[in-house]
Amino acid sequence: MRRQLVPAIRLLLVFTVLLGIAYPLAVTGIAQGLFHHQADGSLVSQDGHVVGSKLLGQSFTKRDGSRVVPDLSYFQPRPSAAGSGYDGTASGASNYGPTSPVFLKLVVQRVAQYRKDYGLSPQTKVPVDAVTASASGLDPEISIANARLQAPRVAKERRLALGRVLRLVNDHVDGRSLGFLGEKGVNVLELNLALDALH
């Protein structure tokens, strides 16, 4: 038994050092050296303070009495299923299937609220990303259609010309991942920071 146990313990120690210490340190060192900003979470700073990450969605809210409600002077992200909303420690989807009665009821409620918030007619099609959460619950981008539908309300709340807000949306459109994956989108945090910079 000892003849088998000693080599097993040696292999355990060798692989622990190689794969548990050396490999993670090498990968971290390469990432910090070549992709420092991304390796640190693509943090976004304003006036010397970190205000978010380009990679993680976050809410833009205000207090209305005792309630916290969306601040419609900002572009709003897609809904989140991560914890109580945009909780990076609880990243994940709701896991409701597309035919789930709970999911369908939630989508109908979100569509009605979206149309109410942005003054849309019952015939206006609501972009799917405006009423469904992403798989991670932390998607930082919304579709171009979603941003354009929100633009009139944002312009009204901020007393800005609609054309100016729409130009800002167009200036913040991100391309597809790797040039061909997914759809073009608008990073909500970067767009909202650009909005604040207009004043």
C-alpha atoms as a PDB file:
ATOM      1  CA  MET A   1       0.000   0.000   0.000  1.00  0.00           C
ATOM      2  CA  ARG A   2       2.851   2.363   0.835  1.00  0.00           C
ATOM      3  CA  ARG A   3       4.304   1.849  -2.670  1.00  0.00           C
ATOM      4  CA  GLN A   4       1.064   3.219  -4.144  1.00  0.00           C
ATOM      5  CA  LEU A   5       0.386   5.907  -1.559  1.00  0.00           C
ATOM      6  CA  VAL A   6       3.751   7.733  -1.788  1.00  0.00           C
ATOM      7  CA  PRO A   7       3.632   8.274  -5.603  1.00  0.00           C
ATOM      8  CA  ALA A   8      -0.026   9.335  -5.342  1.00  0.00           C
ATOM      9  CA  ILE A   9       0.818  11.969  -2.725  1.00  0.00           C
ATOM     10  CA  ARG A  10       3.771  13.196  -4.827  1.00  0.00           C
ATOM     11  CA  LEU A  11       1.539  13.507  -7.901  1.00  0.00           C
ATOM     12  CA  LEU A  12      -1.070  15.336  -5.850  1.00  0.00           C
ATOM     13  CA  LEU A  13       1.549  17.834  -4.644  1.00  0.00           C
ATOM     14  CA  VAL A  14       3.070  18.302  -8.114  1.00  0.00           C
ATOM     15  CA  PHE A  15      -0.298  18.889  -9.783  1.00  0.00           C
ATOM     16  CA  THR A  16      -1.458  21.149  -6.941  1.00  0.00           C
ATOM     17  CA  VAL A  17       1.611  23.351  -7.430  1.00  0.00           C
ATOM     18  CA  LEU A  18       1.360  23.272 -11.243  1.00  0.00           C
ATOM     19  CA  LEU A  19      -2.378  23.622 -11.725  1.00  0.00           C
ATOM     20  CA  GLY A  20      -3.399  25.250  -8.464  1.00  0.00           C
ATOM     21  CA  ILE A  21      -0.616  27.833  -8.148  1.00  0.00           C
ATOM     22  CA  ALA A  22       1.691  28.161 -11.181  1.00  0.00           C
ATOM     23  CA  TYR A  23      -0.962  28.045 -13.919  1.00  0.00           C
ATOM     24  CA  PRO A  24      -3.363  30.577 -12.288  1.00  0.00           C
ATOM     25  CA  LEU A  25      -0.433  32.924 -11.559  1.00  0.00           C
ATOM     26  CA  ALA A  26       0.793  32.657 -15.171  1.00  0.00           C
ATOM     27  CA  VAL A  27      -2.672  33.329 -16.612  1.00  0.00           C
ATOM     28  CA  THR A  28      -3.234  36.243 -14.211  1.00  0.00           C
ATOM     29  CA  GLY A  29       0.186  37.690 -15.043  1.00  0.00           C
ATOM     30  CA  ILE A  30      -0.418  37.467 -18.801  1.00  0.00           C
ATOM     31  CA  ALA A  31      -3.906  38.969 -18.433  1.00  0.00           C
ATOM     32  CA  GLN A  32      -2.620  41.843 -16.295  1.00  0.00           C
ATOM     33  CA  GLY A  33       0.275  42.473 -18.659  1.00  0.00           C
ATOM     34  CA  LEU A  34      -1.609  42.341 -21.960  1.00  0.00           C
ATOM     35  CA  PHE A  35      -5.234  43.122 -21.011  1.00  0.00           C
ATOM     36  CA  HIS A  36      -4.982  45.092 -17.762  1.00  0.00           C
ATOM     37  CA  HIS A  37      -8.256  47.041 -18.115  1.00  0.00           C
ATOM     38  CA  GLN A  38     -10.297  43.971 -19.052  1.00  0.00           C
ATOM     39  CA  ALA A  39      -8.661  41.753 -16.413  1.00  0.00           C
ATOM     40  CA  ASP A  40      -9.653  44.259 -13.734  1.00  0.00           C
ATOM     41  CA  GLY A  41     -13.314  44.117 -14.814  1.00  0.00           C
ATOM     42  CA  SER A  42     -13.473  46.907 -17.436  1.00  0.00           C
ATOM     43  CA  LEU A  43     -14.327  49.378 -14.675  1.00  0.00           C
ATOM     44  CA  VAL A  44     -15.677  52.786 -15.678  1.00  0.00           C
ATOM     45  CA  SER A  45     -14.645  55.825 -13.630  1.00  0.00           C
ATOM     46  CA  GLN A  46     -16.032  59.334 -13.471  1.00  0.00           C
ATOM     47  CA  ASP A  47     -14.425  62.138 -11.485  1.00  0.00           C
ATOM     48  CA  GLY A  48     -12.030  59.622  -9.949  1.00  0.00           C
ATOM     49  CA  HIS A  49     -14.793  57.310  -8.694  1.00  0.00           C
ATOM     50  CA  VAL A  50     -15.734  53.912 -10.100  1.00  0.00           C
ATOM     51  CA  VAL A  51     -19.353  54.144 -11.287  1.00  0.00           C
ATOM     52  CA  GLY A  52     -19.731  50.686 -12.784  1.00  0.00           C
ATOM     53  CA  SER A  53     -18.359  48.173 -15.228  1.00  0.00           C
ATOM     54  CA  LYS A  54     -18.703  48.145 -18.981  1.00  0.00           C
ATOM     55  CA  LEU A  55     -19.358  44.402 -18.692  1.00  0.00           C
ATOM     56  CA  LEU A  56     -22.140  44.372 -16.061  1.00  0.00           C
ATOM     57  CA  GLY A  57     -25.595  45.875 -16.192  1.00  0.00           C
ATOM     58  CA  GLN A  58     -26.859  48.053 -13.386  1.00  0.00           C
ATOM     59  CA  SER A  59     -30.067  49.837 -12.489  1.00  0.00           C
ATOM     60  CA  PHE A  60     -30.724  53.561 -12.842  1.00  0.00           C
ATOM     61  CA  THR A  61     -33.301  54.422 -10.212  1.00  0.00           C
ATOM     62  CA  LYS A  62     -34.612  57.209  -8.025  1.00  0.00           C
ATOM     63  CA  ARG A  63     -36.717  57.437  -4.867  1.00  0.00           C
ATOM     64  CA  ASP A  64     -40.424  58.164  -5.191  1.00  0.00           C
ATOM     65  CA  GLY A  65     -41.534  58.510  -1.596  1.00  0.00           C
ATOM     66  CA  SER A  66     -40.787  55.165   0.017  1.00  0.00           C
ATOM     67  CA  ARG A  67     -40.451  53.334  -3.328  1.00  0.00           C
ATOM     68  CA  VAL A  68     -37.440  52.963  -5.608  1.00  0.00           C
ATOM     69  CA  VAL A  69     -38.527  53.404  -9.226  1.00  0.00           C
ATOM     70  CA  PRO A  70     -36.720  53.569 -12.580  1.00  0.00           C
ATOM     71  CA  ASP A  71     -35.313  57.039 -13.288  1.00  0.00           C
ATOM     72  CA  LEU A  72     -36.678  57.661 -16.780  1.00  0.00           C
ATOM     73  CA  SER A  73     -34.291  60.558 -17.346  1.00  0.00           C
ATOM     74  CA  TYR A  74     -31.784  57.763 -17.959  1.00  0.00           C
ATOM     75  CA  PHE A  75     -31.874  54.916 -20.454  1.00  0.00           C
ATOM     76  CA  GLN A  76     -32.985  51.761 -18.698  1.00  0.00           C
ATOM     77  CA  PRO A  77     -31.262  48.371 -19.009  1.00  0.00           C
ATOM     78  CA  ARG A  78     -33.055  45.148 -19.738  1.00  0.00           C
ATOM     79  CA  PRO A  79     -34.718  43.421 -16.771  1.00  0.00           C
ATOM     80  CA  SER A  80     -32.503  41.404 -14.453  1.00  0.00           C
ATOM     81  CA  ALA A  81     -33.093  38.011 -12.895  1.00  0.00           C
ATOM     82  CA  ALA A  82     -29.861  38.220 -10.885  1.00  0.00           C
ATOM     83  CA  GLY A  83     -30.824  38.281  -7.231  1.00  0.00           C
ATOM     84  CA  SER A  84     -32.808  41.398  -6.378  1.00  0.00           C
ATOM     85  CA  GLY A  85     -31.549  42.941  -9.622  1.00  0.00           C
ATOM     86  CA  TYR A  86     -28.067  43.178 -11.145  1.00  0.00           C
ATOM     87  CA  ASP A  87     -26.496  41.291  -8.241  1.00  0.00           C
ATOM     88  CA  GLY A  88     -23.179  39.970  -9.548  1.00  0.00           C
ATOM     89  CA  THR A  89     -23.070  37.327  -6.820  1.00  0.00           C
ATOM     90  CA  ALA A  90     -26.404  35.891  -7.987  1.00  0.00           C
ATOM     91  CA  SER A  91     -25.893  35.943 -11.733  1.00  0.00           C
ATOM     92  CA  GLY A  92     -28.346  33.740 -13.542  1.00  0.00           C
ATOM     93  CA  ALA A  93     -31.600  33.511 -15.437  1.00  0.00           C
ATOM     94  CA  SER A  94     -35.084  32.964 -14.053  1.00  0.00           C
ATOM     95  CA  ASN A  95     -35.129  29.477 -15.643  1.00  0.00           C
ATOM     96  CA  TYR A  96     -38.765  29.920 -16.680  1.00  0.00           C
ATOM     97  CA  GLY A  97     -39.421  28.250 -20.015  1.00  0.00           C
ATOM     98  CA  PRO A  98     -40.986  30.201 -22.917  1.00  0.00           C
ATOM     99  CA  THR A  99     -44.382  28.565 -22.296  1.00  0.00           C
ATOM    100  CA  SER A 100     -44.336  28.990 -18.513  1.00  0.00           C
ATOM    101  CA  PRO A 101     -47.522  30.773 -17.360  1.00  0.00           C
ATOM    102  CA  VAL A 102     -45.470  32.684 -14.774  1.00  0.00           C
ATOM    103  CA  PHE A 103     -43.028  33.866 -17.452  1.00  0.00           C
ATOM    104  CA  LEU A 104     -45.791  34.816 -19.916  1.00  0.00           C
ATOM    105  CA  LYS A 105     -47.665  36.792 -17.247  1.00  0.00           C
ATOM    106  CA  LEU A 106     -44.453  38.617 -16.302  1.00  0.00           C
ATOM    107  CA  VAL A 107     -43.727  39.503 -19.941  1.00  0.00           C
ATOM    108  CA  VAL A 108     -47.282  40.825 -20.457  1.00  0.00           C
ATOM    109  CA  GLN A 109     -46.898  43.011 -17.338  1.00  0.00           C
ATOM    110  CA  ARG A 110     -43.503  44.288 -18.498  1.00  0.00           C
ATOM    111  CA  VAL A 111     -44.818  45.086 -21.987  1.00  0.00           C
ATOM    112  CA  ALA A 112     -47.707  47.096 -20.484  1.00  0.00           C
ATOM    113  CA  GLN A 113     -45.342  48.959 -18.138  1.00  0.00           C
ATOM    114  CA  TYR A 114     -42.861  49.680 -20.949  1.00  0.00           C
ATOM    115  CA  ARG A 115     -45.603  51.116 -23.162  1.00  0.00           C
ATOM    116  CA  LYS A 116     -46.881  53.226 -20.254  1.00  0.00           C
ATOM    117  CA  ASP A 117     -43.415  54.497 -19.273  1.00  0.00           C
ATOM    118  CA  TYR A 118     -42.516  55.519 -22.819  1.00  0.00           C
ATOM    119  CA  GLY A 119     -45.939  56.682 -24.024  1.00  0.00           C
ATOM    120  CA  LEU A 120     -46.275  54.020 -26.709  1.00  0.00           C
ATOM    121  CA  SER A 121     -49.460  52.937 -28.420  1.00  0.00           C
ATOM    122  CA  PRO A 122     -50.830  49.403 -27.891  1.00  0.00           C
ATOM    123  CA  GLN A 123     -49.814  48.646 -31.489  1.00  0.00           C
ATOM    124  CA  THR A 124     -46.139  49.531 -30.976  1.00  0.00           C
ATOM    125  CA  LYS A 125     -43.959  46.439 -30.922  1.00  0.00           C
ATOM    126  CA  VAL A 126     -41.798  46.237 -27.809  1.00  0.00           C
ATOM    127  CA  PRO A 127     -38.260  44.863 -28.292  1.00  0.00           C
ATOM    128  CA  VAL A 128     -37.790  41.489 -26.634  1.00  0.00           C
ATOM    129  CA  ASP A 129     -34.752  42.707 -24.661  1.00  0.00           C
ATOM    130  CA  ALA A 130     -36.939  45.366 -22.999  1.00  0.00           C
ATOM    131  CA  VAL A 131     -39.112  42.737 -21.305  1.00  0.00           C
ATOM    132  CA  THR A 132     -36.880  39.681 -20.810  1.00  0.00           C
ATOM    133  CA  ALA A 133     -33.723  39.166 -18.768  1.00  0.00           C
ATOM    134  CA  SER A 134     -30.531  37.847 -20.295  1.00  0.00           C
ATOM    135  CA  ALA A 135     -29.114  34.449 -19.363  1.00  0.00           C
ATOM    136  CA  SER A 136     -26.735  36.069 -16.870  1.00  0.00           C
ATOM    137  CA  GLY A 137     -29.197  38.688 -15.651  1.00  0.00           C
ATOM    138  CA  LEU A 138     -26.329  41.175 -15.964  1.00  0.00           C
ATOM    139  CA  ASP A 139     -26.316  42.136 -19.657  1.00  0.00           C
ATOM    140  CA  PRO A 140     -24.926  45.697 -19.940  1.00  0.00           C
ATOM    141  CA  GLU A 141     -26.397  46.352 -23.396  1.00  0.00           C
ATOM    142  CA  ILE A 142     -29.800  46.966 -24.893  1.00  0.00           C
ATOM    143  CA  SER A 143     -30.826  46.725 -28.521  1.00  0.00           C
ATOM    144  CA  ILE A 144     -30.711  49.773 -30.769  1.00  0.00           C
ATOM    145  CA  ALA A 145     -34.506  49.551 -31.181  1.00  0.00           C
ATOM    146  CA  ASN A 146     -34.953  49.583 -27.393  1.00  0.00           C
ATOM    147  CA  ALA A 147     -32.691  52.641 -27.022  1.00  0.00           C
ATOM    148  CA  ARG A 148     -34.518  54.505 -29.802  1.00  0.00           C
ATOM    149  CA  LEU A 149     -37.913  53.828 -28.205  1.00  0.00           C
ATOM    150  CA  GLN A 150     -36.625  55.155 -24.861  1.00  0.00           C
ATOM    151  CA  ALA A 151     -35.022  58.251 -26.417  1.00  0.00           C
ATOM    152  CA  PRO A 152     -38.141  60.503 -26.621  1.00  0.00           C
ATOM    153  CA  ARG A 153     -38.904  60.060 -22.904  1.00  0.00           C
ATOM    154  CA  VAL A 154     -35.257  60.636 -21.932  1.00  0.00           C
ATOM    155  CA  ALA A 155     -35.153  63.765 -24.126  1.00  0.00           C
ATOM    156  CA  LYS A 156     -38.388  65.063 -22.563  1.00  0.00           C
ATOM    157  CA  GLU A 157     -37.205  64.393 -18.988  1.00  0.00           C
ATOM    158  CA  ARG A 158     -33.905  66.191 -19.649  1.00  0.00           C
ATOM    159  CA  ARG A 159     -35.395  68.941 -21.820  1.00  0.00           C
ATOM    160  CA  LEU A 160     -33.107  68.015 -24.700  1.00  0.00           C
ATOM    161  CA  ALA A 161     -33.821  67.920 -28.422  1.00  0.00           C
ATOM    162  CA  LEU A 162     -34.780  64.414 -29.507  1.00  0.00           C
ATOM    163  CA  GLY A 163     -32.344  64.575 -32.422  1.00  0.00           C
ATOM    164  CA  ARG A 164     -29.489  65.235 -30.011  1.00  0.00           C
ATOM    165  CA  VAL A 165     -30.391  62.217 -27.863  1.00  0.00           C
ATOM    166  CA  LEU A 166     -30.774  59.980 -30.924  1.00  0.00           C
ATOM    167  CA  ARG A 167     -27.334  61.080 -32.188  1.00  0.00           C
ATOM    168  CA  LEU A 168     -25.922  60.127 -28.789  1.00  0.00           C
ATOM    169  CA  VAL A 169     -27.531  56.679 -29.135  1.00  0.00           C
ATOM    170  CA  ASN A 170     -26.010  56.256 -32.610  1.00  0.00           C
ATOM    171  CA  ASP A 171     -22.585  57.330 -31.291  1.00  0.00           C
ATOM    172  CA  HIS A 172     -22.692  54.591 -28.639  1.00  0.00           C
ATOM    173  CA  VAL A 173     -23.650  51.602 -30.762  1.00  0.00           C
ATOM    174  CA  ASP A 174     -21.236  48.700 -30.185  1.00  0.00           C
ATOM    175  CA  GLY A 175     -20.478  46.270 -32.998  1.00  0.00           C
ATOM    176  CA  ARG A 176     -21.105  42.552 -32.933  1.00  0.00           C
ATOM    177  CA  SER A 177     -18.815  40.339 -30.888  1.00  0.00           C
ATOM    178  CA  LEU A 178     -15.870  39.200 -33.029  1.00  0.00           C
ATOM    179  CA  GLY A 179     -17.518  41.103 -35.878  1.00  0.00           C
ATOM    180  CA  PHE A 180     -20.214  38.486 -36.533  1.00  0.00           C
ATOM    181  CA  LEU A 181     -21.702  37.125 -33.293  1.00  0.00           C
ATOM    182  CA  GLY A 182     -24.982  38.458 -31.943  1.00  0.00           C
ATOM    183  CA  GLU A 183     -26.505  41.828 -32.727  1.00  0.00           C
ATOM    184  CA  LYS A 184     -25.243  45.361 -32.390  1.00  0.00           C
ATOM    185  CA  GLY A 185     -26.186  46.948 -29.087  1.00  0.00           C
ATOM    186  CA  VAL A 186     -25.882  50.044 -26.913  1.00  0.00           C
ATOM    187  CA  ASN A 187     -23.988  49.976 -23.615  1.00  0.00           C
ATOM    188  CA  VAL A 188     -26.425  51.586 -21.154  1.00  0.00           C
ATOM    189  CA  LEU A 189     -23.819  52.805 -18.639  1.00  0.00           C
ATOM    190  CA  GLU A 190     -21.671  54.495 -21.268  1.00  0.00           C
ATOM    191  CA  LEU A 191     -24.721  56.072 -22.913  1.00  0.00           C
ATOM    192  CA  ASN A 192     -26.024  57.419 -19.597  1.00  0.00           C
ATOM    193  CA  LEU A 193     -22.612  58.854 -18.679  1.00  0.00           C
ATOM    194  CA  ALA A 194     -22.527  60.598 -22.057  1.00  0.00           C
ATOM    195  CA  LEU A 195     -26.000  61.984 -21.317  1.00  0.00           C
ATOM    196  CA  ASP A 196     -24.798  63.397 -17.995  1.00  0.00           C
ATOM    197  CA  ALA A 197     -21.822  64.979 -19.763  1.00  0.00           C
ATOM    198  CA  LEU A 198     -24.170  67.023 -21.977  1.00  0.00           C
ATOM    199  CA  HIS A 199     -25.131  69.299 -19.075  1.00  0.00           C
END
